[in-house]
Protein backbone atom coordinates (compact mmCIF):
# COMPACT_ATOMS: atom_id res chain seq x y z
CA MET A 1 0.01 0.00 0.01
CA ASN A 2 1.52 3.45 -1.06
CA LYS A 3 1.47 6.47 1.32
CA ALA A 4 -1.42 8.17 -0.48
CA GLN A 5 -3.66 5.17 -0.06
CA ALA A 6 -2.70 4.83 3.66
CA ILE A 7 -3.75 8.39 4.23
CA LEU A 8 -7.01 8.16 2.36
CA ASN A 9 -7.80 4.95 4.46
CA ARG A 10 -7.57 6.99 7.57
CA LYS A 11 -9.68 9.68 6.11
CA ASN A 12 -12.63 9.67 8.58
CA GLU A 13 -10.28 9.40 11.53
CA ILE A 14 -8.24 12.44 10.45
CA LEU A 15 -11.31 14.63 9.67
CA LYS A 16 -12.96 13.71 12.98
CA LYS A 17 -9.89 14.98 14.79
CA ALA A 18 -9.55 18.12 12.81
CA ILE A 19 -13.12 19.41 13.32
CA ASP A 20 -15.32 19.70 16.34
CA VAL A 21 -18.15 17.71 14.89
CA ASP A 22 -19.19 14.11 15.52
CA PHE A 23 -20.90 13.74 12.20
CA LEU A 24 -21.70 10.14 12.64
CA LYS A 25 -23.99 11.00 15.57
CA TYR A 26 -26.54 12.30 13.01
CA LYS A 27 -26.50 9.14 10.78
CA GLN A 28 -29.88 7.62 10.48
CA SER A 29 -29.08 5.00 7.88
CA ASP A 30 -26.76 4.35 5.12
CA ILE A 31 -28.52 7.26 3.19
CA ALA A 32 -30.25 9.39 5.64
CA PHE A 33 -28.71 11.70 8.24
CA ASP A 34 -30.50 14.36 10.57
CA TYR A 35 -29.49 17.46 8.68
CA GLU A 36 -31.44 19.95 10.73
CA LYS A 37 -30.43 18.52 14.04
CA MET A 38 -26.64 18.69 12.88
CA MET A 39 -27.04 22.43 11.95
CA GLU A 40 -29.04 23.18 15.23
CA GLU A 41 -26.43 21.45 17.55
CA THR A 42 -23.07 22.43 15.73
CA GLY A 43 -23.78 25.76 14.19
CA TYR A 44 -23.85 29.20 15.82
CA PRO A 45 -27.10 31.11 16.45
CA ILE A 46 -27.42 33.95 13.82
CA GLU A 47 -27.31 36.74 16.40
CA GLU A 48 -23.99 35.33 17.81
CA ALA A 49 -22.58 34.85 14.27
CA MET A 50 -23.28 38.54 13.58
CA ARG A 51 -21.62 39.57 16.85
CA ILE A 52 -18.48 37.55 16.18
CA GLN A 53 -18.34 38.87 12.48
CA SER A 54 -18.77 42.47 13.53
CA SER A 55 -15.83 42.13 15.90
CA LEU A 56 -13.56 40.88 12.96
CA GLY A 57 -14.54 43.49 10.46
CA VAL A 58 -16.96 41.32 8.61
CA GLY A 59 -20.52 41.83 7.72
CA SER A 60 -23.05 44.84 7.52
CA THR A 61 -21.71 45.55 3.93
CA PRO A 62 -23.55 48.01 1.59
CA MET A 63 -26.67 47.19 -0.23
CA LEU A 64 -26.70 49.29 -3.52
CA GLU A 65 -29.35 49.89 -6.06
CA LEU A 66 -27.70 49.55 -9.53
CA LYS A 67 -29.52 52.59 -10.96
CA ASN A 68 -27.79 53.00 -14.30
CA ILE A 69 -27.90 49.20 -15.14
CA ASN A 70 -31.60 49.36 -14.06
CA SER A 71 -32.21 52.16 -16.65
CA LEU A 72 -30.65 49.91 -19.34
CA ILE A 73 -32.82 47.02 -18.28
CA LYS A 74 -35.86 49.21 -18.51
CA LYS A 75 -34.94 50.23 -22.02
CA LEU A 76 -34.69 46.57 -23.06
CA SER A 77 -37.93 45.46 -21.28
CA ALA A 78 -41.55 45.41 -22.38
CA GLU A 79 -43.80 48.06 -20.79
CA GLY A 80 -44.53 47.22 -17.24
CA PHE A 81 -41.32 44.86 -16.96
CA GLY A 82 -37.93 45.45 -15.79
CA ALA A 83 -37.29 44.45 -12.11
CA ARG A 84 -34.83 46.60 -10.17
CA ILE A 85 -31.46 44.92 -9.28
CA PHE A 86 -29.79 45.73 -5.88
CA LEU A 87 -26.19 44.54 -5.19
CA LYS A 88 -24.76 43.51 -1.84
CA ASP A 89 -21.26 44.69 -1.90
CA GLU A 90 -19.37 42.07 -0.14
CA ALA A 91 -16.04 43.43 -1.31
CA GLY A 92 -16.18 45.64 1.64
CA ASN A 93 -15.43 42.64 3.86
CA LEU A 94 -12.10 42.00 5.53
CA SER A 95 -10.18 40.08 2.72
CA GLY A 96 -12.64 41.25 0.12
CA SER A 97 -15.23 38.72 -0.39
CA PHE A 98 -18.32 37.10 1.20
CA LYS A 99 -16.17 34.21 2.18
CA ALA A 100 -14.78 36.26 5.03
CA ARG A 101 -18.29 35.51 6.78
CA ARG A 102 -17.42 31.79 6.61
CA ALA A 103 -14.01 32.10 7.80
CA ALA A 104 -14.79 34.46 10.67
CA ILE A 105 -16.93 31.82 12.30
CA SER A 106 -14.63 28.83 11.48
CA VAL A 107 -11.50 30.55 12.69
CA TYR A 108 -13.24 31.95 15.64
CA HIS A 109 -14.33 28.43 16.61
CA ALA A 110 -10.82 27.02 16.08
CA LYS A 111 -9.45 29.56 18.40
CA LYS A 112 -12.25 28.91 21.04
CA LEU A 113 -11.39 25.12 21.01
CA GLY A 114 -7.52 25.82 21.52
CA TYR A 115 -6.28 24.83 18.06
CA LYS A 116 -2.95 26.36 17.21
CA GLY A 117 -3.59 26.75 13.62
CA VAL A 118 -6.01 26.33 10.78
CA ILE A 119 -5.82 24.55 7.38
CA ALA A 120 -8.17 24.94 4.41
CA ALA A 121 -8.21 23.37 0.94
CA THR A 122 -9.16 26.03 -1.68
CA SER A 123 -7.75 27.84 -4.68
CA GLY A 124 -10.13 30.66 -4.15
CA ASN A 125 -11.18 33.71 -2.11
CA TYR A 126 -11.83 31.48 0.93
CA GLY A 127 -8.00 30.98 1.30
CA ALA A 128 -7.34 34.75 1.58
CA ALA A 129 -10.48 34.93 3.99
CA VAL A 130 -9.11 32.30 6.15
CA ALA A 131 -5.59 33.71 6.27
CA ALA A 132 -7.03 37.18 7.17
CA MET A 133 -9.03 35.86 9.91
CA CYS A 134 -6.03 33.74 11.27
CA ALA A 135 -3.91 37.00 11.19
CA LYS A 136 -6.74 38.74 13.21
CA LEU A 137 -6.93 35.92 15.74
CA ASN A 138 -3.14 35.13 15.89
CA LEU A 139 -3.39 31.50 14.60
CA LYS A 140 -1.20 29.69 12.29
CA CYS A 141 -2.60 29.04 8.69
CA ILE A 142 -1.88 26.74 5.93
CA ILE A 143 -3.81 27.02 2.54
CA VAL A 144 -3.65 24.15 0.18
CA GLN A 145 -4.32 24.99 -3.46
CA GLU A 146 -4.88 23.10 -6.69
CA CYS A 147 -3.39 25.45 -9.12
CA PHE A 148 -1.33 24.03 -12.10
CA ASP A 149 -1.44 21.39 -14.77
CA SER A 150 1.17 18.81 -15.74
CA GLN A 151 3.11 21.57 -17.60
CA GLY A 152 3.31 23.68 -14.45
CA ILE A 153 1.04 26.42 -15.97
CA TYR A 154 -0.87 28.62 -13.36
CA GLN A 155 -4.17 30.48 -13.82
CA PRO A 156 -3.57 34.15 -13.17
CA GLU A 157 -6.58 34.22 -10.86
CA ILE A 158 -4.96 31.61 -8.60
CA ILE A 159 -1.67 33.24 -8.51
CA GLU A 160 -3.29 36.45 -7.40
CA LYS A 161 -5.13 34.59 -4.63
CA ALA A 162 -1.85 32.98 -3.47
CA ARG A 163 -0.31 36.38 -3.25
CA ALA A 164 -3.13 37.65 -1.14
CA ILE A 165 -2.92 34.57 1.18
CA GLU A 166 0.78 35.06 1.66
CA ALA A 167 0.28 38.63 2.34
CA TYR A 168 -1.74 37.85 5.34
CA GLY A 169 1.06 35.64 6.64
CA ALA A 170 -0.21 32.30 5.81
CA GLU A 171 1.80 29.27 4.13
CA VAL A 172 0.58 28.30 0.69
CA VAL A 173 1.02 24.60 -0.52
CA GLN A 174 0.41 24.26 -4.21
CA CYS A 175 -0.81 21.07 -5.95
CA SER A 176 -1.32 19.75 -9.30
CA VAL A 177 -4.69 19.00 -10.83
CA GLY A 178 -6.33 15.76 -9.62
CA PRO A 179 -6.32 13.85 -6.51
CA GLU A 180 -3.11 15.18 -4.96
CA LEU A 181 -4.84 18.25 -3.26
CA PHE A 182 -6.95 15.98 -1.02
CA VAL A 183 -4.16 13.61 -0.01
CA VAL A 184 -1.78 16.61 0.75
CA PHE A 185 -4.67 18.23 2.66
CA LEU A 186 -5.26 15.23 4.83
CA ASP A 187 -1.49 14.48 5.50
CA LEU A 188 -1.04 18.15 6.69
CA LEU A 189 -4.11 17.97 9.03
CA ASP A 190 -2.79 14.66 10.41
CA LYS A 191 0.83 16.10 10.94
CA THR A 192 -0.10 19.46 12.36
CA GLY A 193 -3.17 18.76 14.42
CA TYR A 194 -4.63 21.97 13.04
CA PHE A 195 -8.31 22.71 12.69
CA ASN A 196 -10.16 21.98 9.18
CA ALA A 197 -11.75 25.15 8.34
CA SER A 198 -13.90 23.30 5.65
CA LEU A 199 -16.16 25.36 3.40
CA TYR A 200 -18.76 22.70 3.97
CA SER A 201 -18.90 22.54 7.87
CA PRO A 202 -21.92 23.76 9.88
CA TYR A 203 -19.63 26.64 11.06
CA GLY A 204 -19.04 27.87 7.47
CA ILE A 205 -22.79 27.60 6.71
CA ALA A 206 -23.73 29.45 9.95
CA GLY A 207 -21.39 32.24 9.02
CA LEU A 208 -23.02 32.87 5.68
CA GLU A 209 -26.56 32.79 7.02
CA THR A 210 -25.95 36.26 8.07
CA LEU A 211 -25.64 37.30 4.54
CA GLY A 212 -29.06 35.91 3.58
CA MET A 213 -30.57 37.71 6.60
CA GLU A 214 -28.82 40.92 5.72
CA CYS A 215 -30.04 40.89 2.13
CA VAL A 216 -33.72 40.55 3.26
CA ASP A 217 -33.29 43.26 6.11
CA ASP A 218 -31.47 45.73 3.81
CA ILE A 219 -34.13 45.52 1.10
CA ARG A 220 -36.98 45.96 3.69
CA ARG A 221 -35.13 49.04 5.14
CA LEU A 222 -34.56 50.52 1.68
CA THR A 223 -37.81 49.82 -0.01
CA GLY A 224 -40.35 48.73 2.58
CA LYS A 225 -40.82 45.30 1.16
CA ASP A 226 -39.22 41.96 0.57
CA PRO A 227 -37.09 41.01 -2.53
CA SER A 228 -38.87 38.74 -5.00
CA ALA A 229 -35.66 36.84 -5.72
CA ILE A 230 -32.13 36.54 -4.44
CA VAL A 231 -29.69 35.25 -7.16
CA VAL A 232 -26.70 33.44 -6.02
CA THR A 233 -23.59 32.37 -7.76
CA HIS A 234 -23.47 28.44 -7.29
CA ALA A 235 -20.44 26.29 -7.08
CA GLY A 236 -20.08 24.00 -4.06
CA GLY A 237 -23.35 24.83 -2.78
CA GLY A 238 -22.39 26.76 0.62
CA ASN A 239 -23.32 30.26 -0.66
CA LEU A 240 -26.69 29.24 -1.87
CA THR A 241 -27.67 26.96 1.06
CA ALA A 242 -26.61 29.62 3.75
CA THR A 243 -28.21 32.52 1.86
CA ALA A 244 -31.36 30.60 1.63
CA ARG A 245 -31.45 29.65 5.23
CA GLY A 246 -30.61 33.26 6.31
CA ALA A 247 -33.51 34.64 4.14
CA GLN A 248 -35.81 32.04 5.84
CA LYS A 249 -34.72 33.15 9.29
CA ALA A 250 -35.47 36.68 8.37
CA GLY A 251 -39.06 35.48 7.56
CA SER A 252 -38.88 35.85 3.77
CA ASN A 253 -40.30 33.61 1.20
CA CYS A 254 -38.39 35.14 -1.78
CA LYS A 255 -37.25 32.75 -4.52
CA ILE A 256 -33.61 31.41 -4.31
CA ILE A 257 -32.15 31.33 -7.78
CA ALA A 258 -28.79 29.59 -8.49
CA ALA A 259 -26.51 30.87 -11.21
CA SER A 260 -23.43 29.21 -12.74
CA VAL A 261 -21.23 29.64 -15.77
CA ASN A 262 -21.87 27.09 -18.35
CA LEU A 263 -18.69 25.06 -18.87
CA HIS A 264 -20.44 22.13 -20.53
CA GLY A 265 -17.78 19.76 -21.94
CA LEU A 266 -14.91 20.59 -19.72
CA HIS A 267 -14.00 18.37 -16.75
CA MET A 268 -12.60 20.08 -13.74
CA ALA A 269 -10.31 17.15 -12.70
CA SER A 270 -8.98 16.97 -16.13
CA ASP A 271 -5.38 18.04 -16.71
CA GLN A 272 -6.14 19.06 -20.23
CA ASP A 273 -9.31 20.95 -19.40
CA PHE A 274 -8.10 22.77 -16.14
CA ASN A 275 -6.61 25.81 -17.94
CA ARG A 276 -9.27 25.93 -20.64
CA LYS A 277 -11.64 27.70 -18.28
CA SER A 278 -11.44 31.43 -17.48
CA PHE A 279 -12.94 31.13 -13.94
CA THR A 280 -11.84 28.94 -11.11
CA THR A 281 -15.41 28.70 -9.33
CA GLY A 282 -18.91 29.73 -9.82
CA HIS A 283 -19.26 27.17 -12.84
CA THR A 284 -21.07 24.00 -13.81
CA GLY A 285 -17.86 22.04 -13.13
CA PHE A 286 -18.65 22.37 -9.46
CA GLY A 287 -22.33 23.42 -9.59
CA PHE A 288 -23.75 20.24 -11.06
CA PRO A 289 -21.57 17.65 -9.14
CA PHE A 290 -22.07 19.26 -5.88
CA ALA A 291 -25.80 19.65 -6.45
CA ILE A 292 -26.26 15.96 -7.02
CA TYR A 293 -23.72 14.67 -4.54
CA PRO A 294 -22.87 17.25 -1.85
CA ASP A 295 -20.87 14.78 0.40
CA ARG A 296 -17.90 14.81 -2.09
CA SER A 297 -16.35 17.46 0.22
CA ASP A 298 -13.73 17.48 2.95
CA VAL A 299 -16.29 16.71 5.78
CA ILE A 300 -18.18 13.44 6.23
CA TYR A 301 -21.53 15.14 5.87
CA SER A 302 -21.57 18.46 4.05
CA ALA A 303 -23.64 21.25 5.48
CA ALA A 304 -24.06 22.78 1.98
CA ARG A 305 -27.02 21.12 0.29
CA ALA A 306 -27.85 23.31 -2.50
CA LEU A 307 -30.60 21.14 -4.09
CA ARG A 308 -32.74 21.51 -0.89
CA TYR A 309 -32.99 25.40 -1.36
CA MET A 310 -32.79 26.29 -5.12
CA ASP A 311 -36.20 27.32 -6.69
CA ARG A 312 -34.53 27.82 -10.00
CA TYR A 313 -31.06 27.46 -11.66
CA LEU A 314 -29.82 29.62 -14.46
CA LEU A 315 -26.51 29.28 -16.71
CA VAL A 316 -24.78 32.13 -18.31
CA LYS A 317 -21.74 32.10 -20.61
CA GLN A 318 -18.25 33.33 -19.87
CA GLY A 319 -18.55 36.06 -22.39
CA GLU A 320 -21.89 37.18 -20.83
CA VAL A 321 -20.13 37.48 -17.42
CA PHE A 322 -17.11 39.35 -18.72
CA TYR A 323 -19.50 41.67 -20.57
CA ILE A 324 -21.57 42.51 -17.38
CA THR A 325 -18.27 42.83 -15.37
CA GLU A 326 -17.12 45.62 -17.68
CA ALA A 327 -20.82 47.11 -17.62
CA LEU A 328 -20.80 47.27 -13.79
CA ALA A 329 -17.40 49.12 -13.97
CA LYS A 330 -18.37 51.62 -16.65
CA LEU A 331 -22.07 52.18 -15.67
CA GLU A 332 -21.89 51.95 -11.86
CA GLY A 333 -18.22 52.84 -11.09
CA MET A 334 -17.70 49.32 -9.52
CA GLU A 335 -14.79 47.28 -10.59
CA ARG A 336 -15.37 43.84 -9.06
CA GLY A 337 -14.12 40.25 -9.92
CA PRO A 338 -15.83 38.46 -12.86
CA ALA A 339 -16.56 35.29 -10.79
CA GLY A 340 -18.81 37.27 -8.33
CA ASN A 341 -20.63 38.72 -11.29
CA THR A 342 -21.97 35.38 -12.65
CA SER A 343 -25.13 36.01 -10.64
CA LEU A 344 -25.35 39.59 -12.01
CA ALA A 345 -25.43 38.43 -15.50
CA ALA A 346 -28.09 36.03 -14.81
CA ALA A 347 -30.13 38.72 -12.95
CA PHE A 348 -29.68 41.10 -15.88
CA SER A 349 -31.43 38.56 -18.20
CA LEU A 350 -33.93 37.66 -15.47
CA ALA A 351 -35.01 41.21 -14.59
CA GLN A 352 -36.30 41.93 -18.15
CA HIS A 353 -39.04 39.20 -17.65
CA MET A 354 -40.12 40.27 -14.21
CA SER A 355 -42.47 43.17 -13.16
CA GLU A 356 -41.06 46.53 -12.75
CA ASP A 357 -42.49 46.60 -9.14
CA GLU A 358 -40.24 43.57 -8.26
CA ILE A 359 -36.73 43.47 -6.62
CA ILE A 360 -33.84 41.03 -7.42
CA VAL A 361 -30.96 40.93 -4.99
CA VAL A 362 -27.51 39.93 -6.32
CA GLN A 363 -26.02 38.85 -3.10
CA GLU A 364 -22.34 39.24 -3.40
CA THR A 365 -19.29 40.91 -5.21
CA GLU A 366 -15.57 40.00 -4.85
CA TYR A 367 -12.48 42.27 -5.01
CA THR A 368 -10.45 42.30 -8.08
CA SER A 369 -6.76 42.84 -8.61
CA ALA A 370 -3.98 41.71 -10.74
CA GLY A 371 -4.57 38.30 -11.91
CA LYS A 372 -8.29 38.39 -10.81
CA HIS A 373 -8.96 41.13 -13.36
CA TYR A 374 -10.77 40.24 -16.47
CA ASN A 375 -8.11 41.53 -18.78
CA ALA A 376 -5.56 39.05 -17.19
CA GLN A 377 -7.97 36.31 -17.49
CA LEU A 378 -8.70 37.12 -21.19
CA SER A 379 -4.97 37.29 -21.87
CA PHE A 380 -4.61 33.81 -20.40
CA ALA A 381 -7.35 32.50 -22.38
CA LYS A 382 -5.82 33.83 -25.59
CA ASN A 383 -2.43 32.34 -24.75
CA ASN A 384 -4.10 29.06 -24.39
CA GLY A 385 -5.67 29.16 -27.79
CA ILE A 386 -9.12 30.28 -26.67
CA GLU A 387 -10.71 32.63 -29.36
CA ILE A 388 -12.28 35.90 -28.16
CA LEU A 389 -15.29 36.87 -30.34
CA ILE A 390 -18.11 39.40 -30.33
CA GLY A 391 -21.51 37.99 -31.41
CA ASP A 392 -24.11 35.65 -30.06
CA PRO A 393 -23.10 34.10 -26.66
CA ARG A 394 -25.18 30.95 -27.48
CA ASN A 395 -22.44 30.10 -30.04
CA GLU A 396 -19.81 30.02 -27.18
CA ILE A 397 -18.12 26.65 -26.75
CA ALA A 398 -16.40 26.36 -23.32
CA GLY A 399 -12.72 25.61 -23.84
CA THR A 400 -12.80 26.69 -27.50
CA ASN A 401 -14.03 30.56 -27.51
CA ILE A 402 -15.39 33.16 -25.42
CA VAL A 403 -18.14 35.18 -27.00
CA PHE A 404 -18.86 38.70 -25.90
CA PRO A 405 -22.58 39.72 -26.60
CA ALA A 406 -22.79 42.14 -29.50
CA HIS A 407 -25.64 44.02 -27.64
CA PRO A 408 -26.76 43.79 -23.90
CA ARG A 409 -30.17 42.22 -25.04
CA ASP A 410 -28.07 39.16 -26.09
CA ILE A 411 -27.37 38.18 -22.59
CA LEU A 412 -29.90 35.36 -22.34
CA ALA A 413 -29.61 33.12 -19.13
CA GLN A 414 -30.77 29.53 -19.80
CA ASP A 415 -32.68 27.40 -17.30
CA VAL A 416 -31.46 24.16 -15.91
CA ASP A 417 -34.09 21.37 -15.55
CA LEU A 418 -34.22 20.89 -11.77
CA ASN A 419 -36.05 17.51 -12.18
CA GLN A 420 -33.14 16.25 -14.17
CA LEU A 421 -30.76 17.26 -11.35
CA ARG A 422 -33.10 15.56 -8.81
CA LEU A 423 -33.03 12.37 -10.93
CA SER A 424 -29.17 12.57 -11.09
CA TYR A 425 -29.21 12.81 -7.23
CA LEU A 426 -31.37 9.72 -7.08
CA ARG A 427 -28.98 7.89 -9.55
CA GLN A 428 -26.13 8.52 -7.43
CA GLN A 429 -27.85 7.18 -4.49
CA LEU A 430 -28.70 3.94 -6.31
CA LYS A 431 -25.20 3.71 -7.64
CA MET A 432 -23.78 4.08 -4.14
CA HIS A 433 -26.41 1.79 -2.53
CA PRO A 434 -27.28 -0.69 -5.22
CA ASN A 435 -28.89 -3.38 -2.98
CA HIS A 436 -30.39 -0.84 -0.34
CA SER A 437 -34.14 -1.24 0.51
CA PHE A 438 -35.36 2.19 1.04
CA THR A 439 -37.13 2.90 4.25
CA ASN A 440 -39.74 5.54 4.88
CA GLU A 441 -37.03 7.49 6.83
CA ASP A 442 -34.82 7.28 3.71
CA LEU A 443 -37.70 8.47 1.39
CA ILE A 444 -38.50 11.45 3.73
CA TYR A 445 -34.70 12.41 3.74
CA MET A 446 -34.42 12.22 -0.08
CA ALA A 447 -37.55 14.29 -0.43
CA HIS A 448 -35.87 17.00 1.73
CA GLU A 449 -32.74 16.76 -0.31
CA CYS A 450 -34.57 17.11 -3.51
CA ASN A 451 -37.33 19.69 -2.41
CA GLU A 452 -39.87 17.44 -3.56
CA SER A 453 -42.74 15.26 -2.10
CA VAL A 454 -42.20 11.64 -1.02
CA GLU A 455 -44.57 10.68 -3.72
CA TRP A 456 -42.30 12.16 -6.21
CA ILE A 457 -39.30 10.38 -4.88
CA GLN A 458 -41.18 6.96 -4.89
CA ASN A 459 -42.30 7.50 -8.41
CA ALA A 460 -38.79 8.55 -9.75
CA LEU A 461 -37.19 5.52 -8.07
CA ILE A 462 -39.64 3.26 -9.94
CA GLU A 463 -38.92 5.00 -13.09
CA LEU A 464 -34.99 4.65 -12.52
CA LYS A 465 -35.00 1.15 -11.22
CA GLY A 466 -38.31 -0.31 -10.80
CA VAL A 467 -37.50 -2.13 -7.60
CA GLY A 468 -36.20 1.12 -6.11
CA HIS A 469 -39.51 2.06 -4.67
CA GLU A 470 -39.61 -0.84 -2.01
CA THR A 471 -39.84 0.43 1.64
CA THR A 472 -39.52 -1.49 4.80
């Protein structure tokens, strides 16, 4: 047995030691676990999370109406249509993104429990957020990044994030594409005894619930009513899950709409495909697999369960996101990172088909600088043979070209069939548990996971397998 396999065989043991959650306590069967009980017993009450974040320079970020973009939307919309878009400017957080909210609670908890340091596996803004919080709370920090292909070529966005992480005094361990990252991550947790500041822990979700509550409370204060919809960039699912839970805790029934960049045809674990995308997150390479199998993460049970909470799922193209990123800068004076504008591109399209009396909240921005700037990303794409065009974004082929819209009316978000995602979730369960006899408890659990009825789950299992509907 090689060293990597030996480490993977001890995965559950290492993860349990590195995070203060007895996940197996919530196991109800091979399929079901008590998600709500886990969140209630291991997360932080939202009022306490807000207090902790405030003490660390996180939260209470501005909510801004995009008046010039909204004027453009009105010009493109039929009479009586054209919802107003408000933007939650999370770039105002310490470290420059909404992920500071997650990091604040996770690192605070690590300090409270007496850990000497924190480790997180991420190539993105979360690494900078964890490093900043560790600097604030005087803890050691190691960030493990998946960042280069077999030719040693790095994406400029990842290099920028590594620069930010190191600026906060953390150590960066860089890995190649593929399984190396998880093995290195587990090995470091085992050797150091540091806390696992997972994106997918209950602490991370509790930290982000404050964002969902603020989105609702801000709009009530500014307009006297609730938003009709909150649009959330979706990747691993934590952002959407926590925003939805926070909005619910604020007493809102607004729609929660996921948005991802459509990278159909590219595989995120592929050495060949890794550098043929122009965003490191917020795309379908994470959005689809994490929706249908959330427990692929670095905890035993993920607290990020997006399919439970999404009312709709929209896809946009890379060219559309770059276009709206430039529009945000030139029309609103806000230069923000492209990945955080995925939801804005979707909202721009969506607003034209909603009533002018309705309000859409785009719930996050991210800082931009150096390699995170869209010019650097487009230059990198060109150097990798990606063609940059102006025309109809529907002609964009991920990994081949990036098509900027010829006109703002050409930004057209496309719906994902949520029932197909639900069926994919059930196929995954059948694949993992081929001989399992589903109990009523299992069916109820899967119904919650799919945001559907037990009857729908039973009928879907019959369709998928025939015998899958048996209960005991």
